[in-house]
Amino acid sequence: MGKDWEFVILVFGGLVAAVFLLPALLPELAAAAIAKLLSWQVVVPSAEALVSIPATGVGFDLPRLLVGVGVLLLVVCAGRVFMTRGAQA
């Protein structure tokens, strides 16, 4: 596996770990972040969610999941283009 994939796995693994560990480690910060994300309509209450984030009471419904996947695809494609152009220089 190349260094690029190791970096991608590290970043996404870190994000997943943060999603699951942040509420357990920093409850006050997590509660404030959840309230802010709810007010910005980034997440929905878990009763309306298709996918719930454990121990937070919030999650993602289908439109938010689709937007998240679209953004993730754009970031991956942009990163690959950036790395390809950097390797050509």
C-alpha atoms as a PDB file:
ATOM      1  CA  MET A   1       0.000   0.000   0.000  1.00  0.00           C
ATOM      2  CA  GLY A   2       1.360   3.409  -0.921  1.00  0.00           C
ATOM      3  CA  LYS A   3       2.003   6.324   1.383  1.00  0.00           C
ATOM      4  CA  ASP A   4      -0.995   8.171  -0.075  1.00  0.00           C
ATOM      5  CA  TRP A   5      -3.420   5.436   0.944  1.00  0.00           C
ATOM      6  CA  GLU A   6      -1.854   5.209   4.390  1.00  0.00           C
ATOM      7  CA  PHE A   7      -2.487   8.929   4.839  1.00  0.00           C
ATOM      8  CA  VAL A   8      -6.095   8.626   3.642  1.00  0.00           C
ATOM      9  CA  ILE A   9      -6.712   5.702   5.999  1.00  0.00           C
ATOM     10  CA  LEU A  10      -5.125   7.629   8.861  1.00  0.00           C
ATOM     11  CA  VAL A  11      -7.281  10.709   8.230  1.00  0.00           C
ATOM     12  CA  PHE A  12     -10.557   8.825   7.873  1.00  0.00           C
ATOM     13  CA  GLY A  13      -9.689   6.485  10.737  1.00  0.00           C
ATOM     14  CA  GLY A  14      -8.996   9.516  12.883  1.00  0.00           C
ATOM     15  CA  LEU A  15     -12.317  11.065  11.937  1.00  0.00           C
ATOM     16  CA  VAL A  16     -14.210   7.876  12.750  1.00  0.00           C
ATOM     17  CA  ALA A  17     -12.368   7.525  16.053  1.00  0.00           C
ATOM     18  CA  ALA A  18     -13.133  11.152  16.901  1.00  0.00           C
ATOM     19  CA  VAL A  19     -16.842  10.654  16.167  1.00  0.00           C
ATOM     20  CA  PHE A  20     -17.001   7.728  18.555  1.00  0.00           C
ATOM     21  CA  LEU A  21     -14.534   8.897  21.224  1.00  0.00           C
ATOM     22  CA  LEU A  22     -15.294  12.619  21.449  1.00  0.00           C
ATOM     23  CA  PRO A  23     -18.672  12.232  23.167  1.00  0.00           C
ATOM     24  CA  ALA A  24     -17.157   9.895  25.741  1.00  0.00           C
ATOM     25  CA  LEU A  25     -14.073  12.000  26.454  1.00  0.00           C
ATOM     26  CA  LEU A  26     -15.397  15.541  26.338  1.00  0.00           C
ATOM     27  CA  PRO A  27     -19.126  15.628  27.164  1.00  0.00           C
ATOM     28  CA  GLU A  28     -19.433  19.413  27.484  1.00  0.00           C
ATOM     29  CA  LEU A  29     -17.673  20.076  24.208  1.00  0.00           C
ATOM     30  CA  ALA A  30     -19.635  17.320  22.510  1.00  0.00           C
ATOM     31  CA  ALA A  31     -22.959  18.707  23.775  1.00  0.00           C
ATOM     32  CA  ALA A  32     -22.096  22.189  22.486  1.00  0.00           C
ATOM     33  CA  ALA A  33     -20.955  20.802  19.128  1.00  0.00           C
ATOM     34  CA  ILE A  34     -24.115  18.703  18.781  1.00  0.00           C
ATOM     35  CA  ALA A  35     -26.311  21.692  19.580  1.00  0.00           C
ATOM     36  CA  LYS A  36     -24.470  23.785  16.989  1.00  0.00           C
ATOM     37  CA  LEU A  37     -24.694  21.074  14.320  1.00  0.00           C
ATOM     38  CA  LEU A  38     -28.425  20.696  15.011  1.00  0.00           C
ATOM     39  CA  SER A  39     -28.955  24.448  14.712  1.00  0.00           C
ATOM     40  CA  TRP A  40     -27.051  24.470  11.391  1.00  0.00           C
ATOM     41  CA  GLN A  41     -29.111  21.449  10.256  1.00  0.00           C
ATOM     42  CA  VAL A  42     -26.019  19.373   9.540  1.00  0.00           C
ATOM     43  CA  VAL A  43     -27.418  16.489  11.609  1.00  0.00           C
ATOM     44  CA  VAL A  44     -30.937  15.501  12.640  1.00  0.00           C
ATOM     45  CA  PRO A  45     -32.286  14.050  15.897  1.00  0.00           C
ATOM     46  CA  SER A  46     -31.837  10.292  16.064  1.00  0.00           C
ATOM     47  CA  ALA A  47     -35.612   9.718  15.849  1.00  0.00           C
ATOM     48  CA  GLU A  48     -35.503  11.082  12.279  1.00  0.00           C
ATOM     49  CA  ALA A  49     -32.103   9.646  11.360  1.00  0.00           C
ATOM     50  CA  LEU A  50     -31.381   6.816   8.969  1.00  0.00           C
ATOM     51  CA  VAL A  51     -27.916   6.365  10.523  1.00  0.00           C
ATOM     52  CA  SER A  52     -27.416   7.356  14.163  1.00  0.00           C
ATOM     53  CA  ILE A  53     -24.150   8.325  15.818  1.00  0.00           C
ATOM     54  CA  PRO A  54     -23.899   6.296  19.040  1.00  0.00           C
ATOM     55  CA  ALA A  55     -24.186   8.097  22.391  1.00  0.00           C
ATOM     56  CA  THR A  56     -25.039  11.466  20.823  1.00  0.00           C
ATOM     57  CA  GLY A  57     -28.750  11.366  20.044  1.00  0.00           C
ATOM     58  CA  VAL A  58     -28.193  12.657  16.511  1.00  0.00           C
ATOM     59  CA  GLY A  59     -27.591  11.143  13.097  1.00  0.00           C
ATOM     60  CA  PHE A  60     -27.917  11.578   9.366  1.00  0.00           C
ATOM     61  CA  ASP A  61     -30.964  11.178   7.169  1.00  0.00           C
ATOM     62  CA  LEU A  62     -30.802  10.196   3.504  1.00  0.00           C
ATOM     63  CA  PRO A  63     -30.284  13.696   1.987  1.00  0.00           C
ATOM     64  CA  ARG A  64     -27.463  14.479   4.428  1.00  0.00           C
ATOM     65  CA  LEU A  65     -25.834  11.116   3.735  1.00  0.00           C
ATOM     66  CA  LEU A  66     -25.971  11.725  -0.016  1.00  0.00           C
ATOM     67  CA  VAL A  67     -24.473  15.208   0.348  1.00  0.00           C
ATOM     68  CA  GLY A  68     -21.749  13.810   2.618  1.00  0.00           C
ATOM     69  CA  VAL A  69     -20.867  11.085   0.125  1.00  0.00           C
ATOM     70  CA  GLY A  70     -20.804  13.655  -2.691  1.00  0.00           C
ATOM     71  CA  VAL A  71     -18.469  15.938  -0.739  1.00  0.00           C
ATOM     72  CA  LEU A  72     -16.265  12.975   0.140  1.00  0.00           C
ATOM     73  CA  LEU A  73     -16.026  11.971  -3.523  1.00  0.00           C
ATOM     74  CA  LEU A  74     -15.113  15.523  -4.543  1.00  0.00           C
ATOM     75  CA  VAL A  75     -12.402  15.698  -1.884  1.00  0.00           C
ATOM     76  CA  VAL A  76     -10.936  12.338  -2.931  1.00  0.00           C
ATOM     77  CA  CYS A  77     -10.972  13.309  -6.632  1.00  0.00           C
ATOM     78  CA  ALA A  78      -9.430  16.708  -5.915  1.00  0.00           C
ATOM     79  CA  GLY A  79      -6.754  15.061  -3.772  1.00  0.00           C
ATOM     80  CA  ARG A  80      -5.915  12.584  -6.497  1.00  0.00           C
ATOM     81  CA  VAL A  81      -5.654  15.374  -9.086  1.00  0.00           C
ATOM     82  CA  PHE A  82      -3.472  17.406  -6.741  1.00  0.00           C
ATOM     83  CA  MET A  83      -1.184  14.435  -6.050  1.00  0.00           C
ATOM     84  CA  THR A  84      -0.960  13.567  -9.756  1.00  0.00           C
ATOM     85  CA  ARG A  85      -0.040  17.120 -10.710  1.00  0.00           C
ATOM     86  CA  GLY A  86       2.482  17.271  -7.878  1.00  0.00           C
ATOM     87  CA  ALA A  87       4.114  14.065  -9.099  1.00  0.00           C
ATOM     88  CA  GLN A  88       4.353  15.442 -12.661  1.00  0.00           C
ATOM     89  CA  ALA A  89       6.136  18.621 -11.607  1.00  0.00           C
END
